[in-house]
């Protein structure tokens, strides 16, 4: 019995020790479970925060992509504008050169026209003078012709008169 008591005592001590150990383990397990729940809660919070940050990152990436697309479009528009500007500058330079050439041509043609007008004006004046001279000469010739005709008529009349007289004298002479 004593052995049994010792054994029961030892067993009770072992049971008490095991109970204490179980209680310690349960307390430790509860503490660990609290820590684990706290960690799980923190992990859940971090997971939610990570999800939010991931969503924000996705949204920011979309915004970056959209901004990059807008930047590319703006750069293309700038490039197109620069090309258009360069093209317009070249057209403007060509138009300026053409305008300068046309101005020179207009000036040269104007000078040619002025020279032509002067020459033709001088020629017209010369022809007008010659025409006046010819008119005057023609008038003088007409007057001279008229005078000559009048003299011719007068001479013809005289010659007719003389011829008539001569014929009369010849008739008279032939009758005698």
N, C-alpha and C. Protein backbone atom coordinates (compact mmCIF):
# COMPACT_ATOMS: atom_id res chain seq x y z
N UNK A 1 0.75 -1.12 0.00
CA UNK A 1 0.00 0.00 0.00
C UNK A 1 0.83 1.24 0.00
N UNK A 2 1.68 1.23 0.68
CA UNK A 2 2.55 2.36 0.67
C UNK A 2 3.15 2.49 -0.69
N UNK A 3 3.43 1.49 -1.24
CA UNK A 3 3.97 1.52 -2.58
C UNK A 3 2.89 2.01 -3.50
N UNK A 4 1.76 1.60 -3.18
CA UNK A 4 0.64 2.03 -3.98
C UNK A 4 0.42 3.50 -3.71
N UNK A 5 0.57 3.92 -2.50
CA UNK A 5 0.44 5.31 -2.18
C UNK A 5 1.53 6.10 -2.80
N UNK A 6 2.69 5.60 -2.72
CA UNK A 6 3.83 6.26 -3.33
C UNK A 6 3.58 6.31 -4.82
N UNK A 7 3.12 5.22 -5.33
CA UNK A 7 2.86 5.16 -6.74
C UNK A 7 1.73 6.09 -7.05
N UNK A 8 0.66 6.11 -6.19
CA UNK A 8 -0.48 6.99 -6.44
C UNK A 8 -0.01 8.41 -6.21
N UNK A 9 0.80 8.60 -5.18
CA UNK A 9 1.35 9.93 -4.92
C UNK A 9 2.21 10.38 -6.09
N UNK A 10 3.01 9.49 -6.53
CA UNK A 10 3.88 9.80 -7.65
C UNK A 10 3.01 10.03 -8.88
N UNK A 11 2.01 9.22 -8.91
CA UNK A 11 1.10 9.35 -10.03
C UNK A 11 0.32 10.65 -9.89
N UNK A 12 -0.11 10.99 -8.71
CA UNK A 12 -0.82 12.25 -8.46
C UNK A 12 0.11 13.41 -8.74
N UNK A 13 1.33 13.26 -8.33
CA UNK A 13 2.32 14.30 -8.59
C UNK A 13 2.51 14.43 -10.09
N UNK A 14 2.60 13.28 -10.72
CA UNK A 14 2.74 13.30 -12.18
C UNK A 14 1.50 13.91 -12.82
N UNK A 15 0.32 13.54 -12.30
CA UNK A 15 -0.94 14.05 -12.85
C UNK A 15 -0.99 15.55 -12.58
N UNK A 16 -0.60 15.95 -11.33
CA UNK A 16 -0.63 17.37 -10.99
C UNK A 16 0.37 18.11 -11.85
N UNK A 17 1.51 17.47 -12.00
CA UNK A 17 2.54 18.07 -12.82
C UNK A 17 2.05 18.14 -14.26
N UNK A 18 1.41 17.09 -14.72
CA UNK A 18 0.89 17.08 -16.09
C UNK A 18 -0.25 18.09 -16.23
N UNK A 19 -1.10 18.19 -15.20
CA UNK A 19 -2.19 19.17 -15.23
C UNK A 19 -1.61 20.57 -15.29
N UNK A 20 -0.60 20.75 -14.44
CA UNK A 20 0.05 22.06 -14.44
C UNK A 20 0.68 22.32 -15.80
N UNK A 21 1.30 21.28 -16.30
CA UNK A 21 1.92 21.38 -17.62
C UNK A 21 0.85 21.64 -18.66
N UNK A 22 -0.30 20.94 -18.56
CA UNK A 22 -1.42 21.13 -19.49
C UNK A 22 -1.93 22.55 -19.36
N UNK A 23 -2.10 23.01 -18.11
CA UNK A 23 -2.58 24.38 -17.90
C UNK A 23 -1.60 25.39 -18.50
N UNK A 24 -0.30 25.13 -18.26
CA UNK A 24 0.71 26.01 -18.81
C UNK A 24 0.64 25.98 -20.33
N UNK A 25 0.50 24.76 -20.85
CA UNK A 25 0.42 24.61 -22.32
C UNK A 25 -0.85 25.28 -22.86
N UNK A 26 -1.97 25.10 -22.12
CA UNK A 26 -3.22 25.72 -22.54
C UNK A 26 -3.09 27.24 -22.50
N UNK A 27 -2.48 27.74 -21.39
CA UNK A 27 -2.26 29.19 -21.30
C UNK A 27 -1.35 29.65 -22.44
N UNK A 28 -0.32 28.85 -22.64
CA UNK A 28 0.61 29.19 -23.71
C UNK A 28 -0.10 29.11 -25.07
N UNK A 29 -0.95 28.06 -25.22
CA UNK A 29 -1.68 27.90 -26.47
C UNK A 29 -2.67 29.04 -26.64
N UNK A 30 -3.35 29.44 -25.54
CA UNK A 30 -4.27 30.58 -25.61
C UNK A 30 -3.50 31.84 -25.97
N UNK A 31 -2.36 32.02 -25.33
CA UNK A 31 -1.54 33.20 -25.62
C UNK A 31 -1.08 33.14 -27.07
N UNK A 32 -0.61 31.96 -27.47
CA UNK A 32 -0.17 31.79 -28.87
C UNK A 32 -1.34 31.99 -29.83
N UNK A 33 -2.53 31.46 -29.41
CA UNK A 33 -3.71 31.63 -30.24
C UNK A 33 -4.08 33.11 -30.34
N UNK A 34 -3.97 33.86 -29.23
CA UNK A 34 -4.22 35.30 -29.24
C UNK A 34 -3.23 36.01 -30.17
N UNK A 35 -1.95 35.61 -30.01
CA UNK A 35 -0.91 36.20 -30.86
C UNK A 35 -1.18 35.83 -32.31
N UNK A 36 -1.57 34.55 -32.53
CA UNK A 36 -1.85 34.08 -33.88
C UNK A 36 -3.05 34.83 -34.46
N UNK A 37 -4.11 34.99 -33.64
CA UNK A 37 -5.29 35.74 -34.12
C UNK A 37 -4.92 37.19 -34.40
N UNK A 38 -4.08 37.74 -33.47
CA UNK A 38 -3.62 39.11 -33.69
C UNK A 38 -2.79 39.20 -34.98
N UNK A 39 -1.93 38.19 -35.18
CA UNK A 39 -1.12 38.17 -36.40
C UNK A 39 -2.01 37.96 -37.63
N UNK A 40 -2.99 37.05 -37.51
CA UNK A 40 -3.92 36.82 -38.62
C UNK A 40 -4.70 38.10 -38.94
N UNK A 41 -5.11 38.79 -37.89
CA UNK A 41 -5.82 40.06 -38.07
C UNK A 41 -4.89 41.06 -38.76
N UNK A 42 -3.66 41.12 -38.28
CA UNK A 42 -2.68 42.04 -38.88
C UNK A 42 -2.40 41.63 -40.32
N UNK A 43 -2.28 40.31 -40.55
CA UNK A 43 -2.04 39.81 -41.90
C UNK A 43 -3.23 40.17 -42.79
N UNK A 44 -4.45 40.02 -42.25
CA UNK A 44 -5.66 40.37 -43.00
C UNK A 44 -5.66 41.85 -43.33
N UNK A 45 -5.30 42.67 -42.31
CA UNK A 45 -5.21 44.12 -42.56
C UNK A 45 -4.16 44.42 -43.63
N UNK A 46 -3.00 43.77 -43.47
CA UNK A 46 -1.93 43.98 -44.45
C UNK A 46 -2.34 43.47 -45.83
N UNK A 47 -3.09 42.36 -45.86
CA UNK A 47 -3.57 41.82 -47.12
C UNK A 47 -4.54 42.80 -47.78
N UNK A 48 -5.45 43.35 -46.94
CA UNK A 48 -6.40 44.34 -47.47
C UNK A 48 -5.65 45.59 -47.94
N UNK A 49 -4.67 46.01 -47.12
CA UNK A 49 -3.87 47.18 -47.50
C UNK A 49 -3.08 46.88 -48.78
N UNK A 50 -2.54 45.66 -48.88
CA UNK A 50 -1.81 45.25 -50.08
C UNK A 50 -2.75 45.24 -51.28
N UNK A 51 -3.97 44.72 -51.07
CA UNK A 51 -4.96 44.70 -52.15
C UNK A 51 -5.28 46.12 -52.59
N UNK A 52 -5.49 47.01 -51.60
CA UNK A 52 -5.78 48.41 -51.92
C UNK A 52 -4.60 49.04 -52.67
N UNK A 53 -3.40 48.77 -52.15
CA UNK A 53 -2.22 49.33 -52.81
C UNK A 53 -2.05 48.74 -54.22
N UNK A 54 -2.36 47.44 -54.34
CA UNK A 54 -2.26 46.80 -55.65
C UNK A 54 -3.27 47.45 -56.61
N UNK A 55 -4.50 47.68 -56.09
CA UNK A 55 -5.52 48.34 -56.92
C UNK A 55 -5.07 49.76 -57.28
N UNK A 56 -4.49 50.46 -56.27
CA UNK A 56 -3.99 51.80 -56.55
C UNK A 56 -2.86 51.74 -57.58
N UNK A 57 -1.99 50.73 -57.43
CA UNK A 57 -0.89 50.57 -58.38
C UNK A 57 -1.43 50.31 -59.79
N UNK A 58 -2.46 49.45 -59.86
CA UNK A 58 -3.08 49.17 -61.16
C UNK A 58 -3.68 50.46 -61.73
N UNK A 59 -4.39 51.19 -60.87
CA UNK A 59 -5.00 52.46 -61.31
C UNK A 59 -3.92 53.46 -61.73
N UNK A 60 -2.85 53.54 -60.92
CA UNK A 60 -1.75 54.43 -61.28
C UNK A 60 -1.08 53.99 -62.58
N UNK A 61 -0.94 52.67 -62.77
CA UNK A 61 -0.38 52.17 -64.03
C UNK A 61 -1.28 52.53 -65.20
N UNK A 62 -2.61 52.44 -65.00
CA UNK A 62 -3.54 52.86 -66.06
C UNK A 62 -3.36 54.35 -66.36
N UNK A 63 -3.28 55.13 -65.27
CA UNK A 63 -3.10 56.58 -65.45
C UNK A 63 -1.76 56.86 -66.14
N UNK A 64 -0.72 56.12 -65.74
CA UNK A 64 0.59 56.29 -66.37
C UNK A 64 0.50 55.92 -67.85
N UNK A 65 -0.19 54.80 -68.14
CA UNK A 65 -0.35 54.39 -69.54
C UNK A 65 -1.13 55.44 -70.32
N UNK A 66 -2.22 55.93 -69.69
CA UNK A 66 -3.02 56.97 -70.37
C UNK A 66 -2.19 58.23 -70.56
N UNK A 67 -1.43 58.60 -69.52
CA UNK A 67 -0.57 59.79 -69.63
C UNK A 67 0.50 59.58 -70.69
N UNK A 68 1.07 58.36 -70.71
CA UNK A 68 2.10 58.06 -71.71
C UNK A 68 1.50 58.14 -73.11
N UNK A 69 0.26 57.62 -73.26
CA UNK A 69 -0.42 57.69 -74.56
C UNK A 69 -0.68 59.15 -74.94
N UNK A 70 -1.15 59.93 -73.96
CA UNK A 70 -1.38 61.36 -74.23
C UNK A 70 -0.07 62.05 -74.58
N UNK A 71 1.00 61.68 -73.88
CA UNK A 71 2.31 62.25 -74.16
C UNK A 71 2.75 61.91 -75.58
N UNK A 72 2.57 60.62 -75.97
CA UNK A 72 2.91 60.21 -77.33
C UNK A 72 2.08 60.98 -78.35
N UNK A 73 0.77 61.13 -78.05
CA UNK A 73 -0.11 61.88 -78.96
C UNK A 73 0.33 63.34 -79.04
N UNK A 74 0.68 63.90 -77.86
CA UNK A 74 1.13 65.29 -77.85
C UNK A 74 2.45 65.43 -78.61
N UNK A 75 3.36 64.47 -78.41
CA UNK A 75 4.63 64.51 -79.15
C UNK A 75 4.39 64.37 -80.64
N UNK A 76 3.45 63.50 -81.00
CA UNK A 76 3.11 63.34 -82.43
C UNK A 76 2.51 64.63 -82.97
N UNK A 77 1.64 65.26 -82.17
CA UNK A 77 1.04 66.53 -82.60
C UNK A 77 2.12 67.60 -82.73
N UNK A 78 3.05 67.62 -81.77
CA UNK A 78 4.15 68.60 -81.84
C UNK A 78 5.00 68.33 -83.08
N UNK A 79 5.29 67.05 -83.29
CA UNK A 79 6.09 66.69 -84.46
C UNK A 79 5.36 67.08 -85.74
N UNK A 80 4.06 66.79 -85.78
CA UNK A 80 3.26 67.16 -86.95
C UNK A 80 3.22 68.68 -87.11
N UNK A 81 3.08 69.38 -86.00
CA UNK A 81 3.06 70.85 -86.06
C UNK A 81 4.40 71.39 -86.53
N UNK A 82 5.48 70.78 -86.03
CA UNK A 82 6.82 71.21 -86.46
C UNK A 82 7.01 70.95 -87.95
N UNK A 83 6.53 69.78 -88.40
CA UNK A 83 6.64 69.46 -89.84
C UNK A 83 5.82 70.46 -90.65
N UNK A 84 4.59 70.73 -90.17
CA UNK A 84 3.72 71.68 -90.86
C UNK A 84 4.34 73.07 -90.85
N UNK A 85 4.93 73.45 -89.71
CA UNK A 85 5.59 74.75 -89.60
C UNK A 85 6.76 74.85 -90.57
N UNK A 86 7.56 73.78 -90.63
CA UNK A 86 8.70 73.76 -91.55
C UNK A 86 8.22 73.84 -92.99
N UNK A 87 7.15 73.09 -93.27
CA UNK A 87 6.58 73.12 -94.62
C UNK A 87 6.07 74.51 -94.97
N UNK A 88 5.40 75.14 -94.01
CA UNK A 88 4.88 76.49 -94.24
C UNK A 88 6.02 77.49 -94.40
N UNK A 89 7.11 77.31 -93.63
CA UNK A 89 8.27 78.18 -93.78
C UNK A 89 8.86 78.05 -95.18
N UNK A 90 8.96 76.79 -95.64
CA UNK A 90 9.50 76.58 -96.99
C UNK A 90 8.58 77.20 -98.04
N UNK A 91 7.27 77.03 -97.85
CA UNK A 91 6.31 77.62 -98.79
C UNK A 91 6.41 79.14 -98.76
N UNK A 92 6.58 79.68 -97.56
CA UNK A 92 6.69 81.13 -97.41
C UNK A 92 7.97 81.63 -98.09
N UNK A 93 9.08 80.91 -97.89
CA UNK A 93 10.34 81.30 -98.54
C UNK A 93 10.19 81.22 -100.06
N UNK A 94 9.55 80.15 -100.54
CA UNK A 94 9.34 80.01 -101.98
C UNK A 94 8.45 81.13 -102.50
N UNK A 95 7.40 81.44 -101.74
CA UNK A 95 6.51 82.53 -102.15
C UNK A 95 7.26 83.87 -102.15
N UNK A 96 8.14 84.07 -101.16
CA UNK A 96 8.92 85.31 -101.12
C UNK A 96 9.86 85.39 -102.32
N UNK A 97 10.51 84.25 -102.63
CA UNK A 97 11.40 84.24 -103.81
C UNK A 97 10.61 84.48 -105.09
N UNK A 98 9.45 83.83 -105.17
CA UNK A 98 8.60 84.03 -106.36
C UNK A 98 8.13 85.48 -106.44
N UNK A 99 7.74 86.04 -105.30
CA UNK A 99 7.28 87.43 -105.29
C UNK A 99 8.41 88.36 -105.71
N UNK A 100 9.62 88.08 -105.22
CA UNK A 100 10.78 88.90 -105.59
C UNK A 100 11.03 88.79 -107.10
N UNK A 101 10.97 87.54 -107.61
CA UNK A 101 11.18 87.33 -109.04
C UNK A 101 10.09 88.05 -109.84
N UNK A 102 8.82 87.94 -109.38
CA UNK A 102 7.72 88.61 -110.07
C UNK A 102 7.88 90.12 -110.03
N UNK A 103 8.34 90.63 -108.89
CA UNK A 103 8.57 92.08 -108.79
C UNK A 103 9.63 92.52 -109.78
N UNK A 104 10.71 91.73 -109.89
CA UNK A 104 11.76 92.06 -110.85
C UNK A 104 11.21 92.00 -112.27
N UNK A 105 10.40 90.95 -112.54
CA UNK A 105 9.82 90.81 -113.87
C UNK A 105 8.87 91.98 -114.17
N UNK A 106 8.05 92.35 -113.17
CA UNK A 106 7.12 93.46 -113.37
C UNK A 106 7.90 94.74 -113.62
N UNK A 107 8.97 94.94 -112.85
CA UNK A 107 9.78 96.14 -113.03
C UNK A 107 10.42 96.14 -114.42
N UNK A 108 10.99 94.97 -114.81
CA UNK A 108 11.62 94.87 -116.13
C UNK A 108 10.58 95.09 -117.23
N UNK A 109 9.42 94.46 -117.08
CA UNK A 109 8.37 94.61 -118.09
C UNK A 109 7.86 96.05 -118.09
N UNK A 110 7.78 96.66 -116.91
CA UNK A 110 7.37 98.06 -116.82
C UNK A 110 8.36 98.97 -117.54
N UNK A 111 9.64 98.68 -117.31
CA UNK A 111 10.67 99.48 -117.99
C UNK A 111 10.61 99.26 -119.49
N UNK A 112 10.41 97.97 -119.89
CA UNK A 112 10.28 97.68 -121.32
C UNK A 112 9.07 98.41 -121.90
N UNK A 113 7.95 98.36 -121.15
CA UNK A 113 6.73 99.02 -121.63
C UNK A 113 6.94 100.53 -121.72
N UNK A 114 7.61 101.11 -120.73
CA UNK A 114 7.87 102.56 -120.75
C UNK A 114 8.76 102.90 -121.95
N UNK A 115 9.80 102.08 -122.17
CA UNK A 115 10.69 102.31 -123.31
C UNK A 115 9.90 102.17 -124.61
N UNK A 116 9.06 101.13 -124.67
CA UNK A 116 8.24 100.90 -125.86
C UNK A 116 7.30 102.08 -126.09
N UNK A 117 6.66 102.57 -124.98
CA UNK A 117 5.76 103.73 -125.10
C UNK A 117 6.53 104.96 -125.57
N UNK A 118 7.73 105.15 -125.01
CA UNK A 118 8.52 106.31 -125.44
C UNK A 118 8.88 106.19 -126.92
N UNK A 119 9.35 104.98 -127.31
CA UNK A 119 9.72 104.77 -128.71
C UNK A 119 8.51 104.93 -129.61
N UNK A 120 7.40 104.32 -129.22
CA UNK A 120 6.19 104.41 -130.05
C UNK A 120 5.65 105.83 -130.05
N UNK A 121 5.75 106.49 -128.88
CA UNK A 121 5.33 107.90 -128.81
C UNK A 121 6.16 108.75 -129.75
N UNK A 122 7.47 108.52 -129.73
CA UNK A 122 8.36 109.26 -130.64
C UNK A 122 8.03 108.92 -132.08
N UNK A 123 7.77 107.63 -132.34
CA UNK A 123 7.44 107.20 -133.70
C UNK A 123 6.12 107.82 -134.14
N UNK A 124 5.13 107.83 -133.20
CA UNK A 124 3.83 108.45 -133.52
C UNK A 124 4.01 109.93 -133.79
N UNK A 125 4.82 110.59 -132.97
CA UNK A 125 5.07 112.02 -133.18
C UNK A 125 5.74 112.25 -134.53
N UNK A 126 6.71 111.39 -134.85
CA UNK A 126 7.39 111.50 -136.15
C UNK A 126 6.42 111.26 -137.28
N UNK A 127 5.59 110.20 -137.15
CA UNK A 127 4.61 109.91 -138.19
C UNK A 127 3.57 111.02 -138.29
N UNK A 128 3.17 111.58 -137.14
CA UNK A 128 2.21 112.69 -137.15
C UNK A 128 2.82 113.88 -137.86
N UNK A 129 4.08 114.18 -137.56
CA UNK A 129 4.78 115.28 -138.24
C UNK A 129 4.87 115.02 -139.73
N UNK A 130 5.27 113.77 -140.09
CA UNK A 130 5.36 113.42 -141.51
C UNK A 130 4.00 113.50 -142.18
N UNK A 131 2.96 113.07 -141.44
CA UNK A 131 1.59 113.13 -141.96
C UNK A 131 1.19 114.58 -142.22
N UNK A 132 1.50 115.43 -141.25
CA UNK A 132 1.19 116.86 -141.42
C UNK A 132 1.94 117.43 -142.62
N UNK A 133 3.22 117.04 -142.72
CA UNK A 133 4.02 117.51 -143.87
C UNK A 133 3.40 117.02 -145.18
N UNK A 134 2.99 115.71 -145.17
CA UNK A 134 2.39 115.13 -146.37
C UNK A 134 1.08 115.83 -146.69
N UNK A 135 0.28 116.14 -145.66
CA UNK A 135 -0.99 116.86 -145.87
C UNK A 135 -0.71 118.23 -146.47
N UNK A 136 0.26 118.89 -145.84
CA UNK A 136 0.60 120.23 -146.33
C UNK A 136 1.10 120.16 -147.77
N UNK A 137 1.95 119.16 -148.05
CA UNK A 137 2.48 118.99 -149.39
C UNK A 137 1.35 118.64 -150.36
N UNK A 138 0.42 117.76 -149.89
CA UNK A 138 -0.72 117.38 -150.71
C UNK A 138 -1.59 118.60 -151.01
N UNK A 139 -1.84 119.39 -149.96
CA UNK A 139 -2.63 120.62 -150.16
C UNK A 139 -1.92 121.54 -151.16
N UNK A 140 -0.60 121.65 -151.01
CA UNK A 140 0.16 122.51 -151.93
C UNK A 140 0.08 121.96 -153.34
N UNK A 141 0.19 120.61 -153.46
CA UNK A 141 0.10 119.98 -154.77
C UNK A 141 -1.29 120.16 -155.37
N UNK A 142 -2.33 120.06 -154.53
CA UNK A 142 -3.70 120.25 -155.03
C UNK A 142 -3.89 121.69 -155.52
N UNK A 143 -3.37 122.62 -154.69
CA UNK A 143 -3.47 124.03 -155.12
C UNK A 143 -2.71 124.23 -156.44
N UNK A 144 -1.53 123.62 -156.49
CA UNK A 144 -0.71 123.74 -157.70
C UNK A 144 -1.43 123.09 -158.88
N UNK A 145 -2.03 121.91 -158.63
CA UNK A 145 -2.78 121.22 -159.68
C UNK A 145 -3.94 122.08 -160.16
N UNK A 146 -4.63 122.66 -159.16
CA UNK A 146 -5.78 123.51 -159.51
C UNK A 146 -5.32 124.69 -160.37
N UNK A 147 -4.21 125.30 -159.93
CA UNK A 147 -3.68 126.43 -160.70
C UNK A 147 -3.26 125.97 -162.10
N UNK A 148 -2.61 124.78 -162.14
CA UNK A 148 -2.17 124.27 -163.44
C UNK A 148 -3.37 123.93 -164.32
N UNK A 149 -4.42 123.37 -163.72
CA UNK A 149 -5.62 123.05 -164.49
C UNK A 149 -6.25 124.35 -165.02
N UNK A 150 -6.29 125.31 -164.08
CA UNK A 150 -6.87 126.60 -164.52
C UNK A 150 -6.04 127.19 -165.67
N UNK A 151 -4.73 127.09 -165.54
CA UNK A 151 -3.87 127.59 -166.63
C UNK A 151 -4.07 126.76 -167.89
N UNK A 152 -4.16 125.41 -167.66
CA UNK A 152 -4.35 124.54 -168.81
C UNK A 152 -5.67 124.87 -169.50
N UNK A 153 -6.72 125.06 -168.69
CA UNK A 153 -8.03 125.41 -169.26
C UNK A 153 -7.92 126.74 -170.01
N UNK A 154 -7.23 127.65 -169.33
CA UNK A 154 -7.08 128.97 -169.98
C UNK A 154 -6.28 128.81 -171.26
N UNK A 155 -5.19 128.00 -171.22
CA UNK A 155 -4.37 127.81 -172.41
C UNK A 155 -5.17 127.06 -173.45
N UNK A 156 -5.98 126.09 -173.02
CA UNK A 156 -6.79 125.32 -173.95
C UNK A 156 -7.82 126.24 -174.61
N UNK A 157 -8.41 127.08 -173.80
CA UNK A 157 -9.38 128.03 -174.33
C UNK A 157 -8.70 128.96 -175.33
N UNK A 158 -7.52 129.43 -174.95
CA UNK A 158 -6.77 130.30 -175.85
C UNK A 158 -6.41 129.56 -177.12
N UNK A 159 -5.96 128.28 -176.92
CA UNK A 159 -5.57 127.49 -178.08
C UNK A 159 -6.79 127.25 -178.96
N UNK A 160 -7.94 127.00 -178.35
CA UNK A 160 -9.17 126.79 -179.12
C UNK A 160 -9.53 128.07 -179.87
N UNK A 161 -9.39 129.17 -179.13
CA UNK A 161 -9.69 130.46 -179.76
C UNK A 161 -8.73 130.71 -180.93
N UNK A 162 -7.46 130.41 -180.65
CA UNK A 162 -6.45 130.62 -181.70
C UNK A 162 -6.78 129.67 -182.85
N UNK A 163 -7.11 128.43 -182.57
CA UNK A 163 -7.40 127.46 -183.60
C UNK A 163 -8.63 127.91 -184.40
N UNK A 164 -9.64 128.39 -183.70
CA UNK A 164 -10.84 128.88 -184.37
C UNK A 164 -10.46 130.05 -185.26
N UNK A 165 -9.66 130.94 -184.72
CA UNK A 165 -9.24 132.10 -185.51
C UNK A 165 -8.43 131.63 -186.71
N UNK A 166 -7.55 130.67 -186.45
CA UNK A 166 -6.71 130.17 -187.52
C UNK A 166 -7.58 129.50 -188.59
N UNK A 167 -8.53 128.73 -188.17
CA UNK A 167 -9.40 128.07 -189.12
C UNK A 167 -10.23 129.11 -189.88
N UNK A 168 -10.65 130.12 -189.19
CA UNK A 168 -11.41 131.17 -189.84
C UNK A 168 -10.52 131.88 -190.85
N UNK A 169 -9.31 132.14 -190.46
CA UNK A 169 -8.39 132.81 -191.38
C UNK A 169 -8.08 131.87 -192.53
N UNK A 170 -7.93 130.66 -192.29
CA UNK A 170 -7.64 129.73 -193.35
C UNK A 170 -8.86 129.63 -194.27
N UNK A 171 -10.01 129.61 -193.78
CA UNK A 171 -11.20 129.58 -194.58
C UNK A 171 -11.29 130.88 -195.38
N UNK A 172 -11.01 131.94 -194.67
CA UNK A 172 -11.05 133.22 -195.34
C UNK A 172 -9.95 133.25 -196.40
N UNK A 173 -8.85 132.74 -196.15
CA UNK A 173 -7.75 132.73 -197.10
C UNK A 173 -8.11 131.76 -198.22
N UNK A 174 -8.69 130.69 -197.95
CA UNK A 174 -9.05 129.74 -198.96
C UNK A 174 -10.20 130.33 -199.79
N UNK A 175 -10.98 131.13 -199.38
CA UNK A 175 -12.05 131.73 -200.10
C UNK A 175 -11.50 132.87 -200.97
N UNK A 176 -10.53 133.39 -200.62
CA UNK A 176 -9.92 134.46 -201.40
C UNK A 176 -9.07 133.95 -202.43
